[in-house]
PDB file of N, CA and C in Angstrom:
ATOM      1  N   MET A   1      -4.046  14.858  15.439  1.00  0.00           N
ATOM      2  CA  MET A   1      -4.931  14.963  14.310  1.00  0.00           C
ATOM      3  C   MET A   1      -4.330  14.172  13.139  1.00  0.00           C
ATOM      4  N   SER A   2      -5.167  13.392  12.444  1.00  0.00           N
ATOM      5  CA  SER A   2      -4.666  12.597  11.323  1.00  0.00           C
ATOM      6  C   SER A   2      -5.059  13.221   9.994  1.00  0.00           C
ATOM      7  N   GLU A   3      -4.382  12.760   8.960  1.00  0.00           N
ATOM      8  CA  GLU A   3      -4.636  13.238   7.605  1.00  0.00           C
ATOM      9  C   GLU A   3      -4.698  12.027   6.681  1.00  0.00           C
ATOM     10  N   THR A   4      -5.704  11.981   5.821  1.00  0.00           N
ATOM     11  CA  THR A   4      -5.837  10.876   4.882  1.00  0.00           C
ATOM     12  C   THR A   4      -5.202  11.262   3.551  1.00  0.00           C
ATOM     13  N   VAL A   5      -4.340  10.375   3.056  1.00  0.00           N
ATOM     14  CA  VAL A   5      -3.643  10.585   1.789  1.00  0.00           C
ATOM     15  C   VAL A   5      -4.024   9.445   0.852  1.00  0.00           C
ATOM     16  N   THR A   6      -4.312   9.781  -0.405  1.00  0.00           N
ATOM     17  CA  THR A   6      -4.678   8.780  -1.403  1.00  0.00           C
ATOM     18  C   THR A   6      -3.685   8.819  -2.558  1.00  0.00           C
ATOM     19  N   VAL A   7      -3.244   7.633  -2.979  1.00  0.00           N
ATOM     20  CA  VAL A   7      -2.338   7.489  -4.121  1.00  0.00           C
ATOM     21  C   VAL A   7      -2.984   6.510  -5.091  1.00  0.00           C
ATOM     22  N   ILE A   8      -3.015   6.861  -6.363  1.00  0.00           N
ATOM     23  CA  ILE A   8      -3.517   5.977  -7.409  1.00  0.00           C
ATOM     24  C   ILE A   8      -2.318   5.461  -8.204  1.00  0.00           C
ATOM     25  N   VAL A   9      -2.217   4.135  -8.337  1.00  0.00           N
ATOM     26  CA  VAL A   9      -1.145   3.504  -9.105  1.00  0.00           C
ATOM     27  C   VAL A   9      -1.797   2.759 -10.266  1.00  0.00           C
ATOM     28  N   GLY A  10      -1.597   3.255 -11.471  1.00  0.00           N
ATOM     29  CA  GLY A  10      -2.205   2.646 -12.650  1.00  0.00           C
ATOM     30  C   GLY A  10      -1.534   1.338 -13.032  1.00  0.00           C
ATOM     31  N   HIS A  11      -2.310   0.470 -13.688  1.00  0.00           N
ATOM     32  CA  HIS A  11      -1.779  -0.781 -14.231  1.00  0.00           C
ATOM     33  C   HIS A  11      -2.634  -1.192 -15.427  1.00  0.00           C
ATOM     34  N   ARG A  12      -2.119  -2.141 -16.206  1.00  0.00           N
ATOM     35  CA  ARG A  12      -2.855  -2.657 -17.370  1.00  0.00           C
ATOM     36  C   ARG A  12      -3.033  -4.167 -17.272  1.00  0.00           C
ATOM     37  N   LEU A  13      -3.144  -4.647 -16.052  1.00  0.00           N
ATOM     38  CA  LEU A  13      -3.183  -6.087 -15.821  1.00  0.00           C
ATOM     39  C   LEU A  13      -4.586  -6.671 -15.770  1.00  0.00           C
ATOM     40  N   GLY A  14      -5.579  -5.838 -15.537  1.00  0.00           N
ATOM     41  CA  GLY A  14      -6.910  -6.338 -15.231  1.00  0.00           C
ATOM     42  C   GLY A  14      -6.990  -6.632 -13.744  1.00  0.00           C
ATOM     43  N   LYS A  15      -8.192  -6.636 -13.232  1.00  0.00           N
ATOM     44  CA  LYS A  15      -8.392  -6.788 -11.789  1.00  0.00           C
ATOM     45  C   LYS A  15      -7.897  -8.132 -11.257  1.00  0.00           C
ATOM     46  N   ALA A  16      -8.246  -9.223 -11.926  1.00  0.00           N
ATOM     47  CA  ALA A  16      -7.885 -10.555 -11.433  1.00  0.00           C
ATOM     48  C   ALA A  16      -6.368 -10.735 -11.348  1.00  0.00           C
ATOM     49  N   GLU A  17      -5.650 -10.328 -12.388  1.00  0.00           N
ATOM     50  CA  GLU A  17      -4.186 -10.475 -12.388  1.00  0.00           C
ATOM     51  C   GLU A  17      -3.547  -9.543 -11.362  1.00  0.00           C
ATOM     52  N   ALA A  18      -4.058  -8.325 -11.242  1.00  0.00           N
ATOM     53  CA  ALA A  18      -3.518  -7.391 -10.244  1.00  0.00           C
ATOM     54  C   ALA A  18      -3.727  -7.948  -8.834  1.00  0.00           C
ATOM     55  N   LEU A  19      -4.897  -8.511  -8.559  1.00  0.00           N
ATOM     56  CA  LEU A  19      -5.154  -9.134  -7.251  1.00  0.00           C
ATOM     57  C   LEU A  19      -4.166 -10.260  -6.983  1.00  0.00           C
ATOM     58  N   ARG A  20      -3.974 -11.115  -7.961  1.00  0.00           N
ATOM     59  CA  ARG A  20      -3.042 -12.239  -7.800  1.00  0.00           C
ATOM     60  C   ARG A  20      -1.640 -11.736  -7.482  1.00  0.00           C
ATOM     61  N   ARG A  21      -1.197 -10.736  -8.236  1.00  0.00           N
ATOM     62  CA  ARG A  21       0.158 -10.222  -8.027  1.00  0.00           C
ATOM     63  C   ARG A  21       0.315  -9.512  -6.685  1.00  0.00           C
ATOM     64  N   ILE A  22      -0.703  -8.791  -6.263  1.00  0.00           N
ATOM     65  CA  ILE A  22      -0.642  -8.130  -4.953  1.00  0.00           C
ATOM     66  C   ILE A  22      -0.550  -9.171  -3.852  1.00  0.00           C
ATOM     67  N   ARG A  23      -1.409 -10.185  -3.913  1.00  0.00           N
ATOM     68  CA  ARG A  23      -1.396 -11.238  -2.884  1.00  0.00           C
ATOM     69  C   ARG A  23      -0.041 -11.957  -2.847  1.00  0.00           C
ATOM     70  N   GLU A  24       0.468 -12.355  -4.009  1.00  0.00           N
ATOM     71  CA  GLU A  24       1.751 -13.055  -4.065  1.00  0.00           C
ATOM     72  C   GLU A  24       2.904 -12.128  -3.686  1.00  0.00           C
ATOM     73  N   GLY A  25       2.829 -10.882  -4.115  1.00  0.00           N
ATOM     74  CA  GLY A  25       3.878  -9.919  -3.806  1.00  0.00           C
ATOM     75  C   GLY A  25       3.999  -9.649  -2.319  1.00  0.00           C
ATOM     76  N   LEU A  26       2.864  -9.554  -1.634  1.00  0.00           N
ATOM     77  CA  LEU A  26       2.894  -9.335  -0.187  1.00  0.00           C
ATOM     78  C   LEU A  26       3.516 -10.519   0.531  1.00  0.00           C
ATOM     79  N   ALA A  27       3.177 -11.722   0.102  1.00  0.00           N
ATOM     80  CA  ALA A  27       3.769 -12.912   0.709  1.00  0.00           C
ATOM     81  C   ALA A  27       5.277 -12.932   0.477  1.00  0.00           C
ATOM     82  N   ARG A  28       5.691 -12.522  -0.713  1.00  0.00           N
ATOM     83  CA  ARG A  28       7.115 -12.532  -1.085  1.00  0.00           C
ATOM     84  C   ARG A  28       7.914 -11.492  -0.309  1.00  0.00           C
ATOM     85  N   THR A  29       7.328 -10.326  -0.053  1.00  0.00           N
ATOM     86  CA  THR A  29       8.069  -9.251   0.596  1.00  0.00           C
ATOM     87  C   THR A  29       8.048  -9.329   2.117  1.00  0.00           C
ATOM     88  N   ARG A  30       7.270 -10.254   2.665  1.00  0.00           N
ATOM     89  CA  ARG A  30       7.184 -10.456   4.119  1.00  0.00           C
ATOM     90  C   ARG A  30       6.861  -9.168   4.877  1.00  0.00           C
ATOM     91  N   GLY A  31       5.889  -8.410   4.381  1.00  0.00           N
ATOM     92  CA  GLY A  31       5.434  -7.223   5.094  1.00  0.00           C
ATOM     93  C   GLY A  31       6.217  -5.959   4.808  1.00  0.00           C
ATOM     94  N   GLN A  32       7.320  -6.042   4.062  1.00  0.00           N
ATOM     95  CA  GLN A  32       8.086  -4.840   3.726  1.00  0.00           C
ATOM     96  C   GLN A  32       7.518  -4.215   2.467  1.00  0.00           C
ATOM     97  N   PHE A  33       7.159  -2.955   2.532  1.00  0.00           N
ATOM     98  CA  PHE A  33       6.505  -2.259   1.422  1.00  0.00           C
ATOM     99  C   PHE A  33       7.379  -1.117   0.955  1.00  0.00           C
ATOM    100  N   GLY A  34       8.671  -1.306   1.009  1.00  0.00           N
ATOM    101  CA  GLY A  34       9.629  -0.267   0.675  1.00  0.00           C
ATOM    102  C   GLY A  34      10.612  -0.151   1.822  1.00  0.00           C
ATOM    103  N   PRO A  35      11.676   0.593   1.635  1.00  0.00           N
ATOM    104  CA  PRO A  35      12.706   0.676   2.669  1.00  0.00           C
ATOM    105  C   PRO A  35      12.256   1.394   3.938  1.00  0.00           C
ATOM    106  N   MET A  36      11.203   2.197   3.859  1.00  0.00           N
ATOM    107  CA  MET A  36      10.773   2.979   5.022  1.00  0.00           C
ATOM    108  C   MET A  36       9.454   2.505   5.614  1.00  0.00           C
ATOM    109  N   ILE A  37       8.794   1.517   5.002  1.00  0.00           N
ATOM    110  CA  ILE A  37       7.435   1.155   5.390  1.00  0.00           C
ATOM    111  C   ILE A  37       7.331  -0.346   5.617  1.00  0.00           C
ATOM    112  N   ALA A  38       6.737  -0.750   6.736  1.00  0.00           N
ATOM    113  CA  ALA A  38       6.470  -2.168   7.012  1.00  0.00           C
ATOM    114  C   ALA A  38       4.974  -2.355   7.193  1.00  0.00           C
ATOM    115  N   ILE A  39       4.419  -3.398   6.581  1.00  0.00           N
ATOM    116  CA  ILE A  39       2.996  -3.705   6.693  1.00  0.00           C
ATOM    117  C   ILE A  39       2.787  -4.700   7.828  1.00  0.00           C
ATOM    118  N   GLU A  40       1.771  -4.426   8.648  1.00  0.00           N
ATOM    119  CA  GLU A  40       1.419  -5.306   9.762  1.00  0.00           C
ATOM    120  C   GLU A  40      -0.088  -5.535   9.753  1.00  0.00           C
ATOM    121  N   GLN A  41      -0.544  -6.606  10.348  1.00  0.00           N
ATOM    122  CA  GLN A  41      -1.966  -6.900  10.540  1.00  0.00           C
ATOM    123  C   GLN A  41      -2.774  -6.758   9.251  1.00  0.00           C
ATOM    124  N   GLU A  42      -2.424  -7.495   8.235  1.00  0.00           N
ATOM    125  CA  GLU A  42      -3.135  -7.384   6.965  1.00  0.00           C
ATOM    126  C   GLU A  42      -4.318  -8.346   6.902  1.00  0.00           C
ATOM    127  N   SER A  43      -5.412  -7.897   6.249  1.00  0.00           N
ATOM    128  CA  SER A  43      -6.578  -8.749   6.016  1.00  0.00           C
ATOM    129  C   SER A  43      -7.266  -8.289   4.741  1.00  0.00           C
ATOM    130  N   TRP A  44      -7.836  -9.247   4.023  1.00  0.00           N
ATOM    131  CA  TRP A  44      -8.534  -8.961   2.765  1.00  0.00           C
ATOM    132  C   TRP A  44     -10.031  -8.932   3.011  1.00  0.00           C
ATOM    133  N   GLU A  45     -10.697  -7.951   2.410  1.00  0.00           N
ATOM    134  CA  GLU A  45     -12.161  -7.852   2.389  1.00  0.00           C
ATOM    135  C   GLU A  45     -12.544  -7.688   0.925  1.00  0.00           C
ATOM    136  N   GLY A  46     -12.852  -8.799   0.251  1.00  0.00           N
ATOM    137  CA  GLY A  46     -13.133  -8.752  -1.182  1.00  0.00           C
ATOM    138  C   GLY A  46     -11.878  -8.365  -1.951  1.00  0.00           C
ATOM    139  N   ASP A  47     -11.948  -7.268  -2.699  1.00  0.00           N
ATOM    140  CA  ASP A  47     -10.818  -6.797  -3.505  1.00  0.00           C
ATOM    141  C   ASP A  47     -10.004  -5.721  -2.795  1.00  0.00           C
ATOM    142  N   THR A  48     -10.203  -5.572  -1.492  1.00  0.00           N
ATOM    143  CA  THR A  48      -9.526  -4.531  -0.728  1.00  0.00           C
ATOM    144  C   THR A  48      -8.680  -5.142   0.381  1.00  0.00           C
ATOM    145  N   LEU A  49      -7.410  -4.779   0.398  1.00  0.00           N
ATOM    146  CA  LEU A  49      -6.503  -5.169   1.474  1.00  0.00           C
ATOM    147  C   LEU A  49      -6.521  -4.070   2.519  1.00  0.00           C
ATOM    148  N   ARG A  50      -6.829  -4.416   3.757  1.00  0.00           N
ATOM    149  CA  ARG A  50      -6.778  -3.463   4.865  1.00  0.00           C
ATOM    150  C   ARG A  50      -5.616  -3.876   5.758  1.00  0.00           C
ATOM    151  N   PHE A  51      -4.845  -2.888   6.199  1.00  0.00           N
ATOM    152  CA  PHE A  51      -3.672  -3.209   7.005  1.00  0.00           C
ATOM    153  C   PHE A  51      -3.259  -2.000   7.835  1.00  0.00           C
ATOM    154  N   HIS A  52      -2.356  -2.260   8.764  1.00  0.00           N
ATOM    155  CA  HIS A  52      -1.684  -1.203   9.502  1.00  0.00           C
ATOM    156  C   HIS A  52      -0.254  -1.181   8.993  1.00  0.00           C
ATOM    157  N   MET A  53       0.300   0.002   8.863  1.00  0.00           N
ATOM    158  CA  MET A  53       1.681   0.124   8.418  1.00  0.00           C
ATOM    159  C   MET A  53       2.472   0.889   9.469  1.00  0.00           C
ATOM    160  N   ARG A  54       3.766   0.624   9.506  1.00  0.00           N
ATOM    161  CA  ARG A  54       4.652   1.290  10.444  1.00  0.00           C
ATOM    162  C   ARG A  54       5.728   2.007   9.648  1.00  0.00           C
ATOM    163  N   ALA A  55       5.926   3.286   9.987  1.00  0.00           N
ATOM    164  CA  ALA A  55       6.980   4.087   9.350  1.00  0.00           C
ATOM    165  C   ALA A  55       7.427   5.155  10.329  1.00  0.00           C
ATOM    166  N   LEU A  56       8.713   5.365  10.415  1.00  0.00           N
ATOM    167  CA  LEU A  56       9.283   6.382  11.297  1.00  0.00           C
ATOM    168  C   LEU A  56       8.791   6.246  12.737  1.00  0.00           C
ATOM    169  N   GLY A  57       8.612   4.994  13.190  1.00  0.00           N
ATOM    170  CA  GLY A  57       8.187   4.754  14.559  1.00  0.00           C
ATOM    171  C   GLY A  57       6.714   5.024  14.820  1.00  0.00           C
ATOM    172  N   GLN A  58       5.939   5.297  13.789  1.00  0.00           N
ATOM    173  CA  GLN A  58       4.515   5.595  13.918  1.00  0.00           C
ATOM    174  C   GLN A  58       3.712   4.504  13.198  1.00  0.00           C
ATOM    175  N   THR A  59       2.444   4.350  13.594  1.00  0.00           N
ATOM    176  CA  THR A  59       1.566   3.386  12.955  1.00  0.00           C
ATOM    177  C   THR A  59       0.408   4.113  12.288  1.00  0.00           C
ATOM    178  N   ALA A  60       0.004   3.628  11.116  1.00  0.00           N
ATOM    179  CA  ALA A  60      -1.105   4.229  10.367  1.00  0.00           C
ATOM    180  C   ALA A  60      -1.984   3.122   9.800  1.00  0.00           C
ATOM    181  N   ALA A  61      -3.275   3.405   9.678  1.00  0.00           N
ATOM    182  CA  ALA A  61      -4.216   2.484   9.039  1.00  0.00           C
ATOM    183  C   ALA A  61      -4.214   2.774   7.545  1.00  0.00           C
ATOM    184  N   ALA A  62      -4.319   1.714   6.731  1.00  0.00           N
ATOM    185  CA  ALA A  62      -4.267   1.900   5.283  1.00  0.00           C
ATOM    186  C   ALA A  62      -5.081   0.827   4.583  1.00  0.00           C
ATOM    187  N   SER A  63      -5.341   1.080   3.296  1.00  0.00           N
ATOM    188  CA  SER A  63      -6.019   0.083   2.469  1.00  0.00           C
ATOM    189  C   SER A  63      -5.517   0.202   1.040  1.00  0.00           C
ATOM    190  N   ILE A  64      -5.578  -0.920   0.319  1.00  0.00           N
ATOM    191  CA  ILE A  64      -5.287  -0.957  -1.108  1.00  0.00           C
ATOM    192  C   ILE A  64      -6.502  -1.583  -1.771  1.00  0.00           C
ATOM    193  N   GLU A  65      -7.203  -0.808  -2.571  1.00  0.00           N
ATOM    194  CA  GLU A  65      -8.340  -1.317  -3.321  1.00  0.00           C
ATOM    195  C   GLU A  65      -7.863  -1.638  -4.735  1.00  0.00           C
ATOM    196  N   VAL A  66      -8.078  -2.881  -5.172  1.00  0.00           N
ATOM    197  CA  VAL A  66      -7.659  -3.304  -6.493  1.00  0.00           C
ATOM    198  C   VAL A  66      -8.811  -3.050  -7.468  1.00  0.00           C
ATOM    199  N   LEU A  67      -8.568  -2.185  -8.435  1.00  0.00           N
ATOM    200  CA  LEU A  67      -9.538  -1.841  -9.462  1.00  0.00           C
ATOM    201  C   LEU A  67      -9.088  -2.430 -10.792  1.00  0.00           C
ATOM    202  N   GLU A  68      -9.923  -2.357 -11.802  1.00  0.00           N
ATOM    203  CA  GLU A  68      -9.613  -2.935 -13.114  1.00  0.00           C
ATOM    204  C   GLU A  68      -8.333  -2.362 -13.725  1.00  0.00           C
ATOM    205  N   GLU A  69      -8.087  -1.051 -13.561  1.00  0.00           N
ATOM    206  CA  GLU A  69      -6.924  -0.413 -14.190  1.00  0.00           C
ATOM    207  C   GLU A  69      -6.041   0.359 -13.226  1.00  0.00           C
ATOM    208  N   ALA A  70      -6.257   0.174 -11.937  1.00  0.00           N
ATOM    209  CA  ALA A  70      -5.464   0.931 -10.957  1.00  0.00           C
ATOM    210  C   ALA A  70      -5.568   0.306  -9.578  1.00  0.00           C
ATOM    211  N   LEU A  71      -4.637   0.697  -8.726  1.00  0.00           N
ATOM    212  CA  LEU A  71      -4.720   0.430  -7.296  1.00  0.00           C
ATOM    213  C   LEU A  71      -5.031   1.771  -6.635  1.00  0.00           C
ATOM    214  N   ARG A  72      -5.937   1.765  -5.698  1.00  0.00           N
ATOM    215  CA  ARG A  72      -6.245   2.974  -4.932  1.00  0.00           C
ATOM    216  C   ARG A  72      -5.726   2.723  -3.519  1.00  0.00           C
ATOM    217  N   VAL A  73      -4.643   3.406  -3.169  1.00  0.00           N
ATOM    218  CA  VAL A  73      -4.005   3.256  -1.866  1.00  0.00           C
ATOM    219  C   VAL A  73      -4.419   4.444  -1.008  1.00  0.00           C
ATOM    220  N   GLU A  74      -5.023   4.152   0.146  1.00  0.00           N
ATOM    221  CA  GLU A  74      -5.471   5.208   1.046  1.00  0.00           C
ATOM    222  C   GLU A  74      -4.843   4.974   2.411  1.00  0.00           C
ATOM    223  N   VAL A  75      -4.226   6.023   2.955  1.00  0.00           N
ATOM    224  CA  VAL A  75      -3.533   5.912   4.230  1.00  0.00           C
ATOM    225  C   VAL A  75      -3.994   7.039   5.144  1.00  0.00           C
ATOM    226  N   SER A  76      -4.398   6.665   6.352  1.00  0.00           N
ATOM    227  CA  SER A  76      -4.759   7.651   7.371  1.00  0.00           C
ATOM    228  C   SER A  76      -3.534   7.838   8.263  1.00  0.00           C
ATOM    229  N   LEU A  77      -2.856   8.974   8.086  1.00  0.00           N
ATOM    230  CA  LEU A  77      -1.564   9.217   8.742  1.00  0.00           C
ATOM    231  C   LEU A  77      -1.715   9.999  10.048  1.00  0.00           C
ATOM    232  N   PRO A  78      -1.039   9.557  11.113  1.00  0.00           N
ATOM    233  CA  PRO A  78      -0.993  10.380  12.314  1.00  0.00           C
ATOM    234  C   PRO A  78      -0.179  11.645  12.041  1.00  0.00           C
ATOM    235  N   TRP A  79      -0.256  12.586  12.927  1.00  0.00           N
ATOM    236  CA  TRP A  79       0.342  13.909  12.735  1.00  0.00           C
ATOM    237  C   TRP A  79       1.788  13.847  12.250  1.00  0.00           C
ATOM    238  N   LEU A  80       2.643  13.081  12.919  1.00  0.00           N
ATOM    239  CA  LEU A  80       4.063  13.046  12.557  1.00  0.00           C
ATOM    240  C   LEU A  80       4.269  12.505  11.145  1.00  0.00           C
ATOM    241  N   LEU A  81       3.562  11.426  10.795  1.00  0.00           N
ATOM    242  CA  LEU A  81       3.705  10.880   9.447  1.00  0.00           C
ATOM    243  C   LEU A  81       3.103  11.808   8.402  1.00  0.00           C
ATOM    244  N   ALA A  82       2.043  12.523   8.756  1.00  0.00           N
ATOM    245  CA  ALA A  82       1.457  13.487   7.814  1.00  0.00           C
ATOM    246  C   ALA A  82       2.484  14.551   7.453  1.00  0.00           C
ATOM    247  N   LYS A  83       3.302  14.956   8.403  1.00  0.00           N
ATOM    248  CA  LYS A  83       4.360  15.931   8.133  1.00  0.00           C
ATOM    249  C   LYS A  83       5.414  15.366   7.185  1.00  0.00           C
ATOM    250  N   ALA A  84       5.626  14.041   7.238  1.00  0.00           N
ATOM    251  CA  ALA A  84       6.632  13.398   6.391  1.00  0.00           C
ATOM    252  C   ALA A  84       6.012  12.762   5.146  1.00  0.00           C
ATOM    253  N   ALA A  85       4.747  13.033   4.864  1.00  0.00           N
ATOM    254  CA  ALA A  85       4.032  12.362   3.773  1.00  0.00           C
ATOM    255  C   ALA A  85       4.710  12.539   2.423  1.00  0.00           C
ATOM    256  N   LYS A  86       5.286  13.690   2.158  1.00  0.00           N
ATOM    257  CA  LYS A  86       5.939  13.899   0.868  1.00  0.00           C
ATOM    258  C   LYS A  86       7.087  12.921   0.655  1.00  0.00           C
ATOM    259  N   ARG A  87       7.758  12.533   1.744  1.00  0.00           N
ATOM    260  CA  ARG A  87       8.846  11.556   1.635  1.00  0.00           C
ATOM    261  C   ARG A  87       8.311  10.129   1.600  1.00  0.00           C
ATOM    262  N   LEU A  88       7.201   9.853   2.292  1.00  0.00           N
ATOM    263  CA  LEU A  88       6.674   8.501   2.387  1.00  0.00           C
ATOM    264  C   LEU A  88       5.883   8.071   1.151  1.00  0.00           C
ATOM    265  N   MET A  89       5.174   8.982   0.534  1.00  0.00           N
ATOM    266  CA  MET A  89       4.304   8.605  -0.576  1.00  0.00           C
ATOM    267  C   MET A  89       5.057   8.057  -1.790  1.00  0.00           C
ATOM    268  N   PRO A  90       6.216   8.610  -2.176  1.00  0.00           N
ATOM    269  CA  PRO A  90       6.955   7.972  -3.275  1.00  0.00           C
ATOM    270  C   PRO A  90       7.364   6.536  -2.932  1.00  0.00           C
ATOM    271  N   ALA A  91       7.735   6.284  -1.684  1.00  0.00           N
ATOM    272  CA  ALA A  91       8.100   4.926  -1.271  1.00  0.00           C
ATOM    273  C   ALA A  91       6.888   4.009  -1.320  1.00  0.00           C
ATOM    274  N   LEU A  92       5.737   4.508  -0.922  1.00  0.00           N
ATOM    275  CA  LEU A  92       4.511   3.729  -0.971  1.00  0.00           C
ATOM    276  C   LEU A  92       4.111   3.434  -2.412  1.00  0.00           C
ATOM    277  N   ARG A  93       4.193   4.438  -3.281  1.00  0.00           N
ATOM    278  CA  ARG A  93       3.878   4.250  -4.703  1.00  0.00           C
ATOM    279  C   ARG A  93       4.842   3.233  -5.336  1.00  0.00           C
ATOM    280  N   HIS A  94       6.126   3.353  -5.017  1.00  0.00           N
ATOM    281  CA  HIS A  94       7.128   2.432  -5.553  1.00  0.00           C
ATOM    282  C   HIS A  94       6.862   1.001  -5.067  1.00  0.00           C
ATOM    283  N   GLY A  95       6.544   0.855  -3.779  1.00  0.00           N
ATOM    284  CA  GLY A  95       6.258  -0.463  -3.238  1.00  0.00           C
ATOM    285  C   GLY A  95       5.044  -1.096  -3.902  1.00  0.00           C
ATOM    286  N   ALA A  96       3.999  -0.314  -4.136  1.00  0.00           N
ATOM    287  CA  ALA A  96       2.803  -0.839  -4.810  1.00  0.00           C
ATOM    288  C   ALA A  96       3.126  -1.254  -6.228  1.00  0.00           C
ATOM    289  N   THR A  97       3.930  -0.462  -6.906  1.00  0.00           N
ATOM    290  CA  THR A  97       4.329  -0.783  -8.281  1.00  0.00           C
ATOM    291  C   THR A  97       5.136  -2.075  -8.318  1.00  0.00           C
ATOM    292  N   LEU A  98       6.038  -2.256  -7.375  1.00  0.00           N
ATOM    293  CA  LEU A  98       6.838  -3.492  -7.317  1.00  0.00           C
ATOM    294  C   LEU A  98       5.967  -4.716  -7.106  1.00  0.00           C
ATOM    295  N   LEU A  99       4.886  -4.583  -6.311  1.00  0.00           N
ATOM    296  CA  LEU A  99       3.999  -5.714  -6.079  1.00  0.00           C
ATOM    297  C   LEU A  99       3.284  -6.163  -7.369  1.00  0.00           C
ATOM    298  N   LEU A 100       3.115  -5.229  -8.294  1.00  0.00           N
ATOM    299  CA  LEU A 100       2.443  -5.553  -9.555  1.00  0.00           C
ATOM    300  C   LEU A 100       3.373  -6.169 -10.587  1.00  0.00           C
ATOM    301  N   GLU A 101       4.686  -6.031 -10.401  1.00  0.00           N
ATOM    302  CA  GLU A 101       5.636  -6.566 -11.377  1.00  0.00           C
ATOM    303  C   GLU A 101       5.619  -8.080 -11.378  1.00  0.00           C
ATOM    304  N   LYS A 102       5.834  -8.647 -12.529  1.00  0.00           N
ATOM    305  CA  LYS A 102       5.875 -10.112 -12.646  1.00  0.00           C
ATOM    306  C   LYS A 102       7.241 -10.603 -12.205  1.00  0.00           C
ATOM    307  N   LYS A 103       7.258 -11.526 -11.294  1.00  0.00           N
ATOM    308  CA  LYS A 103       8.506 -12.102 -10.798  1.00  0.00           C
ATOM    309  C   LYS A 103       8.531 -13.578 -11.061  1.00  0.00           C
TER     310      LYS A 103
END
């Protein structure tokens, strides 16, 4: 049984700049979204990135929707990852925040 978890990461960049930074940040990090999470099979549909992520030997489907003042990160976690969600979500939030930083 899976569980869907949603994280909102606020920003003040505007949608266009946030999109640019997310796209460039993903290319820069080569699929690593924090020390515990790796992004695989990513594709863009408009302002939404859809991807599969791997953590703790498990795979989950996820998306990042870029909004004017926030990122909406939604992850459908398999049972084992749902049990570890409290540990994974701070890493996911931190990774999303790093993608928005100007480098």
